[in-house]
Amino acid sequence: DPEKLKAVETIINNLPDERVVLMGDFNMEPDCPMLAPIRERLFDTAE
């Protein structure tokens, strides 16, 4: 969990304002609350 929080923080700090794709192995399932900051900024294509 501490690594996951640091990774999400790093992602948010490096997100451009437009035209961005974020992908990879997050080692988190979709209901993980630590994904919330990303979901607030970006659209999950799994929808």
All heavy atoms as atom14 arrays in JSON, in Angstrom:
{
  "sequence": "DPEKLKAVETIINNLPDERVVLMGDFNMEPDCPMLAPIRERLFDTAE",
  "atom14_mask": [
    [1, 1, 1, 1, 1, 1, 1, 1, 0, 0, 0, 0, 0, 0],
    [1, 1, 1, 1, 1, 1, 1, 0, 0, 0, 0, 0, 0, 0],
    [1, 1, 1, 1, 1, 1, 1, 1, 1, 0, 0, 0, 0, 0],
    [1, 1, 1, 1, 1, 1, 1, 1, 1, 0, 0, 0, 0, 0],
    [1, 1, 1, 1, 1, 1, 1, 1, 0, 0, 0, 0, 0, 0],
    [1, 1, 1, 1, 1, 1, 1, 1, 1, 0, 0, 0, 0, 0],
    [1, 1, 1, 1, 1, 0, 0, 0, 0, 0, 0, 0, 0, 0],
    [1, 1, 1, 1, 1, 1, 1, 0, 0, 0, 0, 0, 0, 0],
    [1, 1, 1, 1, 1, 1, 1, 1, 1, 0, 0, 0, 0, 0],
    [1, 1, 1, 1, 1, 1, 1, 0, 0, 0, 0, 0, 0, 0],
    [1, 1, 1, 1, 1, 1, 1, 1, 0, 0, 0, 0, 0, 0],
    [1, 1, 1, 1, 1, 1, 1, 1, 0, 0, 0, 0, 0, 0],
    [1, 1, 1, 1, 1, 1, 1, 1, 0, 0, 0, 0, 0, 0],
    [1, 1, 1, 1, 1, 1, 1, 1, 0, 0, 0, 0, 0, 0],
    [1, 1, 1, 1, 1, 1, 1, 1, 0, 0, 0, 0, 0, 0],
    [1, 1, 1, 1, 1, 1, 1, 0, 0, 0, 0, 0, 0, 0],
    [1, 1, 1, 1, 1, 1, 1, 1, 0, 0, 0, 0, 0, 0],
    [1, 1, 1, 1, 1, 1, 1, 1, 1, 0, 0, 0, 0, 0],
    [1, 1, 1, 1, 1, 1, 1, 1, 1, 1, 1, 0, 0, 0],
    [1, 1, 1, 1, 1, 1, 1, 0, 0, 0, 0, 0, 0, 0],
    [1, 1, 1, 1, 1, 1, 1, 0, 0, 0, 0, 0, 0, 0],
    [1, 1, 1, 1, 1, 1, 1, 1, 0, 0, 0, 0, 0, 0],
    [1, 1, 1, 1, 1, 1, 1, 1, 0, 0, 0, 0, 0, 0],
    [1, 1, 1, 1, 0, 0, 0, 0, 0, 0, 0, 0, 0, 0],
    [1, 1, 1, 1, 1, 1, 1, 1, 0, 0, 0, 0, 0, 0],
    [1, 1, 1, 1, 1, 1, 1, 1, 1, 1, 1, 0, 0, 0],
    [1, 1, 1, 1, 1, 1, 1, 1, 0, 0, 0, 0, 0, 0],
    [1, 1, 1, 1, 1, 1, 1, 1, 0, 0, 0, 0, 0, 0],
    [1, 1, 1, 1, 1, 1, 1, 1, 1, 0, 0, 0, 0, 0],
    [1, 1, 1, 1, 1, 1, 1, 0, 0, 0, 0, 0, 0, 0],
    [1, 1, 1, 1, 1, 1, 1, 1, 0, 0, 0, 0, 0, 0],
    [1, 1, 1, 1, 1, 1, 0, 0, 0, 0, 0, 0, 0, 0],
    [1, 1, 1, 1, 1, 1, 1, 0, 0, 0, 0, 0, 0, 0],
    [1, 1, 1, 1, 1, 1, 1, 1, 0, 0, 0, 0, 0, 0],
    [1, 1, 1, 1, 1, 1, 1, 1, 0, 0, 0, 0, 0, 0],
    [1, 1, 1, 1, 1, 0, 0, 0, 0, 0, 0, 0, 0, 0],
    [1, 1, 1, 1, 1, 1, 1, 0, 0, 0, 0, 0, 0, 0],
    [1, 1, 1, 1, 1, 1, 1, 1, 0, 0, 0, 0, 0, 0],
    [1, 1, 1, 1, 1, 1, 1, 1, 1, 1, 1, 0, 0, 0],
    [1, 1, 1, 1, 1, 1, 1, 1, 1, 0, 0, 0, 0, 0],
    [1, 1, 1, 1, 1, 1, 1, 1, 1, 1, 1, 0, 0, 0],
    [1, 1, 1, 1, 1, 1, 1, 1, 0, 0, 0, 0, 0, 0],
    [1, 1, 1, 1, 1, 1, 1, 1, 1, 1, 1, 0, 0, 0],
    [1, 1, 1, 1, 1, 1, 1, 1, 0, 0, 0, 0, 0, 0],
    [1, 1, 1, 1, 1, 1, 1, 0, 0, 0, 0, 0, 0, 0],
    [1, 1, 1, 1, 1, 0, 0, 0, 0, 0, 0, 0, 0, 0],
    [1, 1, 1, 1, 1, 1, 1, 1, 1, 0, 0, 0, 0, 0]
  ],
  "atom14_positions": [
    [[0.81, -1.22, 0.0], [0.0, 0.0, 0.0], [0.85, 1.27, 0.0], [0.53, 2.22, -0.73], [-0.96, -0.01, 1.19], [-2.13, -0.96, 0.99], [-2.24, -1.54, -0.11], [-2.93, -1.12, 1.92], [0.0, 0.0, 0.0], [0.0, 0.0, 0.0], [0.0, 0.0, 0.0], [0.0, 0.0, 0.0], [0.0, 0.0, 0.0], [0.0, 0.0, 0.0]],
    [[1.92, 1.36, 0.81], [2.74, 2.57, 0.74], [3.33, 2.83, -0.65], [3.4, 3.97, -1.1], [3.84, 2.3, 1.78], [3.22, 1.36, 2.75], [2.35, 0.47, 1.91], [0.0, 0.0, 0.0], [0.0, 0.0, 0.0], [0.0, 0.0, 0.0], [0.0, 0.0, 0.0], [0.0, 0.0, 0.0], [0.0, 0.0, 0.0], [0.0, 0.0, 0.0]],
    [[3.73, 1.76, -1.33], [4.26, 1.92, -2.69], [3.16, 2.39, -3.65], [3.4, 3.2, -4.55], [4.84, 0.59, -3.18], [6.12, 0.18, -2.49], [6.54, -1.21, -2.9], [5.85, -2.19, -2.53], [7.56, -1.32, -3.6], [0.0, 0.0, 0.0], [0.0, 0.0, 0.0], [0.0, 0.0, 0.0], [0.0, 0.0, 0.0], [0.0, 0.0, 0.0]],
    [[1.96, 1.85, -3.47], [0.85, 2.23, -4.34], [0.52, 3.71, -4.18], [0.29, 4.42, -5.16], [-0.37, 1.36, -4.03], [-0.18, -0.1, -4.43], [-1.32, -0.98, -3.92], [-1.05, -2.45, -4.25], [-2.08, -3.35, -3.71], [0.0, 0.0, 0.0], [0.0, 0.0, 0.0], [0.0, 0.0, 0.0], [0.0, 0.0, 0.0], [0.0, 0.0, 0.0]],
    [[0.51, 4.18, -2.95], [0.22, 5.6, -2.7], [1.28, 6.49, -3.34], [0.95, 7.54, -3.93], [0.14, 5.85, -1.19], [-1.09, 5.27, -0.49], [-0.92, 5.36, 1.02], [-2.37, 5.99, -0.94], [0.0, 0.0, 0.0], [0.0, 0.0, 0.0], [0.0, 0.0, 0.0], [0.0, 0.0, 0.0], [0.0, 0.0, 0.0], [0.0, 0.0, 0.0]],
    [[2.54, 6.1, -3.25], [3.61, 6.88, -3.87], [3.5, 6.86, -5.39], [3.77, 7.87, -6.06], [4.98, 6.35, -3.43], [5.37, 6.74, -2.03], [5.6, 8.25, -1.93], [6.07, 8.67, -0.56], [6.26, 10.14, -0.46], [0.0, 0.0, 0.0], [0.0, 0.0, 0.0], [0.0, 0.0, 0.0], [0.0, 0.0, 0.0], [0.0, 0.0, 0.0]],
    [[3.11, 5.73, -5.95], [2.96, 5.63, -7.4], [1.84, 6.53, -7.9], [1.98, 7.24, -8.9], [2.71, 4.19, -7.81], [0.0, 0.0, 0.0], [0.0, 0.0, 0.0], [0.0, 0.0, 0.0], [0.0, 0.0, 0.0], [0.0, 0.0, 0.0], [0.0, 0.0, 0.0], [0.0, 0.0, 0.0], [0.0, 0.0, 0.0], [0.0, 0.0, 0.0]],
    [[0.7, 6.5, -7.2], [-0.43, 7.35, -7.6], [-0.04, 8.82, -7.48], [-0.36, 9.63, -8.37], [-1.67, 7.03, -6.73], [-2.77, 8.06, -6.96], [-2.19, 5.63, -7.05], [0.0, 0.0, 0.0], [0.0, 0.0, 0.0], [0.0, 0.0, 0.0], [0.0, 0.0, 0.0], [0.0, 0.0, 0.0], [0.0, 0.0, 0.0], [0.0, 0.0, 0.0]],
    [[0.66, 9.18, -6.43], [1.11, 10.56, -6.25], [2.03, 10.97, -7.4], [1.92, 12.08, -7.94], [1.85, 10.67, -4.92], [2.41, 12.04, -4.61], [3.17, 12.05, -3.3], [2.56, 11.76, -2.26], [4.39, 12.31, -3.33], [0.0, 0.0, 0.0], [0.0, 0.0, 0.0], [0.0, 0.0, 0.0], [0.0, 0.0, 0.0], [0.0, 0.0, 0.0]],
    [[2.93, 10.08, -7.81], [3.85, 10.36, -8.91], [3.09, 10.53, -10.21], [3.4, 11.43, -11.01], [4.89, 9.23, -9.05], [5.6, 9.11, -7.81], [5.88, 9.52, -10.16], [0.0, 0.0, 0.0], [0.0, 0.0, 0.0], [0.0, 0.0, 0.0], [0.0, 0.0, 0.0], [0.0, 0.0, 0.0], [0.0, 0.0, 0.0], [0.0, 0.0, 0.0]],
    [[2.1, 9.7, -10.45], [1.28, 9.82, -11.66], [0.57, 11.17, -11.69], [0.63, 11.9, -12.69], [0.25, 8.67, -11.73], [0.95, 7.34, -12.02], [-0.81, 8.96, -12.79], [0.07, 6.13, -11.78], [0.0, 0.0, 0.0], [0.0, 0.0, 0.0], [0.0, 0.0, 0.0], [0.0, 0.0, 0.0], [0.0, 0.0, 0.0], [0.0, 0.0, 0.0]],
    [[-0.1, 11.51, -10.6], [-0.86, 12.77, -10.55], [0.06, 13.96, -10.76], [-0.3, 14.92, -11.47], [-1.61, 12.89, -9.21], [-2.67, 11.78, -9.08], [-2.25, 14.27, -9.06], [-3.74, 11.81, -10.16], [0.0, 0.0, 0.0], [0.0, 0.0, 0.0], [0.0, 0.0, 0.0], [0.0, 0.0, 0.0], [0.0, 0.0, 0.0], [0.0, 0.0, 0.0]],
    [[1.26, 13.91, -10.2], [2.21, 15.02, -10.34], [2.75, 15.17, -11.75], [3.35, 16.21, -12.08], [3.37, 14.86, -9.37], [2.97, 15.08, -7.93], [1.94, 15.7, -7.66], [3.77, 14.59, -7.01], [0.0, 0.0, 0.0], [0.0, 0.0, 0.0], [0.0, 0.0, 0.0], [0.0, 0.0, 0.0], [0.0, 0.0, 0.0], [0.0, 0.0, 0.0]],
    [[2.57, 14.15, -12.58], [3.13, 14.18, -13.93], [2.06, 14.09, -15.03], [2.41, 13.9, -16.2], [4.13, 13.04, -14.11], [5.42, 13.3, -13.37], [6.29, 14.03, -13.86], [5.55, 12.75, -12.17], [0.0, 0.0, 0.0], [0.0, 0.0, 0.0], [0.0, 0.0, 0.0], [0.0, 0.0, 0.0], [0.0, 0.0, 0.0], [0.0, 0.0, 0.0]],
    [[0.79, 14.27, -14.66], [-0.27, 14.25, -15.65], [-0.33, 15.58, -16.41], [-0.45, 16.64, -15.79], [-1.63, 14.02, -14.98], [-2.06, 12.59, -14.67], [-3.43, 12.61, -14.01], [-2.08, 11.73, -15.93], [0.0, 0.0, 0.0], [0.0, 0.0, 0.0], [0.0, 0.0, 0.0], [0.0, 0.0, 0.0], [0.0, 0.0, 0.0], [0.0, 0.0, 0.0]],
    [[-0.26, 15.55, -17.72], [-0.51, 16.78, -18.47], [-2.0, 17.14, -18.43], [-2.84, 16.32, -18.05], [-0.08, 16.42, -19.9], [-0.22, 14.94, -19.97], [0.05, 14.42, -18.59], [0.0, 0.0, 0.0], [0.0, 0.0, 0.0], [0.0, 0.0, 0.0], [0.0, 0.0, 0.0], [0.0, 0.0, 0.0], [0.0, 0.0, 0.0], [0.0, 0.0, 0.0]],
    [[-2.32, 18.35, -18.82], [-3.71, 18.81, -18.74], [-4.59, 18.24, -19.84], [-5.82, 18.24, -19.72], [-3.75, 20.35, -18.8], [-3.15, 20.98, -17.55], [-3.23, 20.36, -16.48], [-2.58, 22.08, -17.67], [0.0, 0.0, 0.0], [0.0, 0.0, 0.0], [0.0, 0.0, 0.0], [0.0, 0.0, 0.0], [0.0, 0.0, 0.0], [0.0, 0.0, 0.0]],
    [[-3.98, 17.76, -20.93], [-4.79, 17.27, -22.04], [-4.07, 16.19, -22.82], [-2.85, 16.03, -22.71], [-5.17, 18.43, -22.98], [-3.98, 19.18, -23.54], [-4.39, 20.4, -24.33], [-5.56, 20.79, -24.27], [-3.52, 20.95, -25.04], [0.0, 0.0, 0.0], [0.0, 0.0, 0.0], [0.0, 0.0, 0.0], [0.0, 0.0, 0.0], [0.0, 0.0, 0.0]],
    [[-4.84, 15.4, -23.58], [-4.34, 14.39, -24.51], [-3.33, 13.45, -23.85], [-2.16, 13.4, -24.21], [-3.75, 15.05, -25.76], [-4.79, 15.82, -26.56], [-4.2, 16.5, -27.79], [-3.72, 15.54, -28.78], [-4.47, 14.85, -29.62], [-5.79, 14.96, -29.58], [-3.93, 14.02, -30.5], [0.0, 0.0, 0.0], [0.0, 0.0, 0.0], [0.0, 0.0, 0.0]],
    [[-3.82, 12.71, -22.85], [-2.94, 11.81, -22.11], [-3.52, 10.39, -22.08], [-4.74, 10.2, -22.0], [-2.71, 12.32, -20.67], [-4.02, 12.43, -19.89], [-1.72, 11.43, -19.93], [0.0, 0.0, 0.0], [0.0, 0.0, 0.0], [0.0, 0.0, 0.0], [0.0, 0.0, 0.0], [0.0, 0.0, 0.0], [0.0, 0.0, 0.0], [0.0, 0.0, 0.0]],
    [[-2.63, 9.41, -22.16], [-2.97, 8.0, -21.98], [-2.09, 7.46, -20.86], [-0.87, 7.62, -20.89], [-2.73, 7.18, -23.27], [-2.95, 5.69, -23.01], [-3.62, 7.67, -24.41], [0.0, 0.0, 0.0], [0.0, 0.0, 0.0], [0.0, 0.0, 0.0], [0.0, 0.0, 0.0], [0.0, 0.0, 0.0], [0.0, 0.0, 0.0], [0.0, 0.0, 0.0]],
    [[-2.71, 6.83, -19.88], [-2.0, 6.22, -18.75], [-2.3, 4.73, -18.76], [-3.47, 4.33, -18.8], [-2.47, 6.85, -17.44], [-2.1, 6.13, -16.14], [-0.59, 6.12, -15.91], [-2.83, 6.76, -14.95], [0.0, 0.0, 0.0], [0.0, 0.0, 0.0], [0.0, 0.0, 0.0], [0.0, 0.0, 0.0], [0.0, 0.0, 0.0], [0.0, 0.0, 0.0]],
    [[-1.26, 3.9, -18.71], [-1.52, 2.46, -18.76], [-0.45, 1.69, -18.02], [0.65, 2.19, -17.76], [-1.61, 1.99, -20.2], [-0.4, 2.25, -21.06], [-0.69, 1.63, -22.74], [0.52, 2.55, -23.67], [0.0, 0.0, 0.0], [0.0, 0.0, 0.0], [0.0, 0.0, 0.0], [0.0, 0.0, 0.0], [0.0, 0.0, 0.0], [0.0, 0.0, 0.0]],
    [[-0.8, 0.45, -17.68], [0.16, -0.44, -17.04], [-0.47, -1.39, -16.06], [-1.69, -1.49, -15.92], [0.0, 0.0, 0.0], [0.0, 0.0, 0.0], [0.0, 0.0, 0.0], [0.0, 0.0, 0.0], [0.0, 0.0, 0.0], [0.0, 0.0, 0.0], [0.0, 0.0, 0.0], [0.0, 0.0, 0.0], [0.0, 0.0, 0.0], [0.0, 0.0, 0.0]],
    [[0.42, -2.1, -15.35], [0.05, -3.03, -14.29], [0.05, -2.24, -12.99], [1.1, -1.84, -12.49], [1.07, -4.17, -14.26], [0.87, -5.14, -13.11], [-0.06, -4.93, -12.3], [1.66, -6.1, -13.01], [0.0, 0.0, 0.0], [0.0, 0.0, 0.0], [0.0, 0.0, 0.0], [0.0, 0.0, 0.0], [0.0, 0.0, 0.0], [0.0, 0.0, 0.0]],
    [[-1.14, -2.03, -12.42], [-1.28, -1.22, -11.21], [-1.27, -2.06, -9.92], [-1.25, -1.5, -8.83], [-2.56, -0.41, -11.28], [-2.47, 0.8, -12.16], [-2.32, 0.69, -13.53], [-2.55, 2.07, -11.62], [-2.25, 1.8, -14.35], [-2.48, 3.21, -12.42], [-2.33, 3.06, -13.79], [0.0, 0.0, 0.0], [0.0, 0.0, 0.0], [0.0, 0.0, 0.0]],
    [[-1.35, -3.38, -10.04], [-1.43, -4.24, -8.87], [-2.55, -3.81, -7.9], [-2.43, -3.96, -6.69], [-0.08, -4.3, -8.14], [0.85, -5.31, -8.78], [0.47, -6.44, -9.04], [2.08, -4.88, -9.06], [0.0, 0.0, 0.0], [0.0, 0.0, 0.0], [0.0, 0.0, 0.0], [0.0, 0.0, 0.0], [0.0, 0.0, 0.0], [0.0, 0.0, 0.0]],
    [[-3.62, -3.27, -8.45], [-4.8, -2.87, -7.69], [-6.04, -3.31, -8.45], [-6.1, -3.16, -9.67], [-4.84, -1.35, -7.48], [-3.79, -0.81, -6.56], [-3.92, 0.99, -6.34], [-2.69, 1.57, -7.51], [0.0, 0.0, 0.0], [0.0, 0.0, 0.0], [0.0, 0.0, 0.0], [0.0, 0.0, 0.0], [0.0, 0.0, 0.0], [0.0, 0.0, 0.0]],
    [[-7.02, -3.83, -7.73], [-8.28, -4.18, -8.36], [-9.16, -2.94, -8.51], [-8.93, -1.92, -7.86], [-8.96, -5.28, -7.55], [-8.18, -6.59, -7.57], [-8.9, -7.73, -6.88], [-10.06, -8.0, -7.27], [-8.32, -8.33, -5.96], [0.0, 0.0, 0.0], [0.0, 0.0, 0.0], [0.0, 0.0, 0.0], [0.0, 0.0, 0.0], [0.0, 0.0, 0.0]],
    [[-10.17, -2.99, -9.37], [-10.94, -1.78, -9.71], [-11.59, -1.07, -8.53], [-11.81, 0.14, -8.59], [-11.99, -2.31, -10.69], [-11.32, -3.47, -11.35], [-10.51, -4.12, -10.26], [0.0, 0.0, 0.0], [0.0, 0.0, 0.0], [0.0, 0.0, 0.0], [0.0, 0.0, 0.0], [0.0, 0.0, 0.0], [0.0, 0.0, 0.0], [0.0, 0.0, 0.0]],
    [[-11.93, -1.79, -7.46], [-12.58, -1.14, -6.33], [-11.59, -0.57, -5.31], [-11.99, -0.1, -4.24], [-13.53, -2.11, -5.63], [-12.83, -3.35, -5.09], [-11.61, -3.52, -5.36], [-13.49, -4.16, -4.4], [0.0, 0.0, 0.0], [0.0, 0.0, 0.0], [0.0, 0.0, 0.0], [0.0, 0.0, 0.0], [0.0, 0.0, 0.0], [0.0, 0.0, 0.0]],
    [[-10.31, -0.58, -5.62], [-9.3, -0.08, -4.68], [-9.45, 1.43, -4.51], [-9.38, 2.18, -5.5], [-7.9, -0.41, -5.18], [-6.59, 0.2, -4.09], [0.0, 0.0, 0.0], [0.0, 0.0, 0.0], [0.0, 0.0, 0.0], [0.0, 0.0, 0.0], [0.0, 0.0, 0.0], [0.0, 0.0, 0.0], [0.0, 0.0, 0.0], [0.0, 0.0, 0.0]],
    [[-9.62, 1.93, -3.29], [-9.8, 3.37, -3.08], [-8.57, 4.2, -3.46], [-8.7, 5.4, -3.7], [-10.11, 3.47, -1.59], [-9.6, 2.22, -0.98], [-9.73, 1.16, -2.03], [0.0, 0.0, 0.0], [0.0, 0.0, 0.0], [0.0, 0.0, 0.0], [0.0, 0.0, 0.0], [0.0, 0.0, 0.0], [0.0, 0.0, 0.0], [0.0, 0.0, 0.0]],
    [[-7.4, 3.57, -3.53], [-6.2, 4.32, -3.87], [-6.19, 4.78, -5.33], [-5.39, 5.63, -5.73], [-4.95, 3.5, -3.55], [-4.66, 3.44, -2.06], [-3.2, 2.45, -1.63], [-3.85, 0.79, -1.77], [0.0, 0.0, 0.0], [0.0, 0.0, 0.0], [0.0, 0.0, 0.0], [0.0, 0.0, 0.0], [0.0, 0.0, 0.0], [0.0, 0.0, 0.0]],
    [[-7.1, 4.22, -6.15], [-7.22, 4.66, -7.53], [-8.06, 5.93, -7.67], [-8.11, 6.51, -8.77], [-7.85, 3.56, -8.39], [-6.98, 2.34, -8.69], [-7.81, 1.24, -9.33], [-5.81, 2.71, -9.59], [0.0, 0.0, 0.0], [0.0, 0.0, 0.0], [0.0, 0.0, 0.0], [0.0, 0.0, 0.0], [0.0, 0.0, 0.0], [0.0, 0.0, 0.0]],
    [[-8.69, 6.37, -6.61], [-9.63, 7.49, -6.67], [-9.04, 8.76, -7.28], [-9.68, 9.4, -8.13], [-10.21, 7.78, -5.3], [0.0, 0.0, 0.0], [0.0, 0.0, 0.0], [0.0, 0.0, 0.0], [0.0, 0.0, 0.0], [0.0, 0.0, 0.0], [0.0, 0.0, 0.0], [0.0, 0.0, 0.0], [0.0, 0.0, 0.0], [0.0, 0.0, 0.0]],
    [[-7.82, 9.2, -6.91], [-7.27, 10.42, -7.51], [-7.11, 10.32, -9.04], [-7.26, 11.32, -9.74], [-5.92, 10.58, -6.82], [-6.06, 9.84, -5.53], [-6.93, 8.67, -5.85], [0.0, 0.0, 0.0], [0.0, 0.0, 0.0], [0.0, 0.0, 0.0], [0.0, 0.0, 0.0], [0.0, 0.0, 0.0], [0.0, 0.0, 0.0], [0.0, 0.0, 0.0]],
    [[-6.81, 9.12, -9.52], [-6.69, 8.93, -10.97], [-8.06, 8.97, -11.62], [-8.25, 9.61, -12.66], [-5.97, 7.6, -11.27], [-4.52, 7.67, -10.77], [-6.0, 7.29, -12.78], [-3.78, 6.35, -10.85], [0.0, 0.0, 0.0], [0.0, 0.0, 0.0], [0.0, 0.0, 0.0], [0.0, 0.0, 0.0], [0.0, 0.0, 0.0], [0.0, 0.0, 0.0]],
    [[-9.02, 8.32, -11.01], [-10.37, 8.3, -11.57], [-10.99, 9.71, -11.61], [-11.83, 10.0, -12.46], [-11.26, 7.36, -10.76], [-10.84, 5.9, -10.85], [-11.88, 4.98, -10.24], [-11.48, 3.59, -10.26], [-11.52, 2.8, -11.34], [-11.94, 3.3, -12.48], [-11.15, 1.53, -11.27], [0.0, 0.0, 0.0], [0.0, 0.0, 0.0], [0.0, 0.0, 0.0]],
    [[-10.59, 10.56, -10.68], [-11.1, 11.94, -10.67], [-10.59, 12.72, -11.88], [-11.26, 13.64, -12.36], [-10.67, 12.64, -9.39], [-11.39, 12.14, -8.15], [-10.82, 12.71, -6.88], [-9.91, 13.59, -6.97], [-11.25, 12.3, -5.79], [0.0, 0.0, 0.0], [0.0, 0.0, 0.0], [0.0, 0.0, 0.0], [0.0, 0.0, 0.0], [0.0, 0.0, 0.0]],
    [[-9.42, 12.35, -12.38], [-8.79, 13.1, -13.48], [-8.99, 12.45, -14.85], [-9.04, 13.15, -15.87], [-7.28, 13.23, -13.21], [-6.91, 14.06, -12.0], [-6.97, 15.54, -12.27], [-6.09, 15.93, -13.35], [-4.8, 16.22, -13.2], [-4.23, 16.16, -12.0], [-4.06, 16.59, -14.25], [0.0, 0.0, 0.0], [0.0, 0.0, 0.0], [0.0, 0.0, 0.0]],
    [[-9.08, 11.12, -14.86], [-9.06, 10.39, -16.13], [-10.24, 9.43, -16.25], [-10.87, 9.06, -15.26], [-7.75, 9.6, -16.26], [-6.44, 10.39, -16.17], [-5.25, 9.43, -16.22], [-6.35, 11.43, -17.27], [0.0, 0.0, 0.0], [0.0, 0.0, 0.0], [0.0, 0.0, 0.0], [0.0, 0.0, 0.0], [0.0, 0.0, 0.0], [0.0, 0.0, 0.0]],
    [[-10.51, 9.01, -17.49], [-11.58, 8.06, -17.8], [-11.01, 6.65, -17.86], [-9.98, 6.4, -18.51], [-12.23, 8.41, -19.14], [-13.27, 7.45, -19.6], [-14.53, 7.43, -19.03], [-12.99, 6.53, -20.61], [-15.5, 6.53, -19.45], [-13.95, 5.63, -21.05], [-15.21, 5.63, -20.46], [0.0, 0.0, 0.0], [0.0, 0.0, 0.0], [0.0, 0.0, 0.0]],
    [[-11.66, 5.72, -17.19], [-11.26, 4.32, -17.19], [-11.89, 3.63, -18.4], [-13.12, 3.47, -18.47], [-11.72, 3.65, -15.89], [-11.25, 2.21, -15.77], [-10.68, 1.68, -16.73], [-11.46, 1.62, -14.69], [0.0, 0.0, 0.0], [0.0, 0.0, 0.0], [0.0, 0.0, 0.0], [0.0, 0.0, 0.0], [0.0, 0.0, 0.0], [0.0, 0.0, 0.0]],
    [[-11.08, 3.2, -19.35], [-11.6, 2.59, -20.57], [-12.36, 1.3, -20.3], [-13.15, 0.86, -21.14], [-10.47, 2.31, -21.59], [-9.53, 1.39, -21.01], [-9.75, 3.6, -21.96], [0.0, 0.0, 0.0], [0.0, 0.0, 0.0], [0.0, 0.0, 0.0], [0.0, 0.0, 0.0], [0.0, 0.0, 0.0], [0.0, 0.0, 0.0], [0.0, 0.0, 0.0]],
    [[-12.16, 0.69, -19.13], [-12.89, -0.54, -18.79], [-14.39, -0.32, -18.7], [-15.16, -1.29, -18.74], [-12.37, -1.12, -17.48], [0.0, 0.0, 0.0], [0.0, 0.0, 0.0], [0.0, 0.0, 0.0], [0.0, 0.0, 0.0], [0.0, 0.0, 0.0], [0.0, 0.0, 0.0], [0.0, 0.0, 0.0], [0.0, 0.0, 0.0], [0.0, 0.0, 0.0]],
    [[-14.82, 0.92, -18.62], [-16.25, 1.2, -18.61], [-16.92, 0.78, -19.91], [-18.14, 0.64, -19.97], [-16.49, 2.69, -18.33], [-16.11, 3.12, -16.92], [-16.56, 4.52, -16.59], [-17.54, 5.0, -17.21], [-15.94, 5.15, -15.72], [0.0, 0.0, 0.0], [0.0, 0.0, 0.0], [0.0, 0.0, 0.0], [0.0, 0.0, 0.0], [0.0, 0.0, 0.0]]
  ]
}
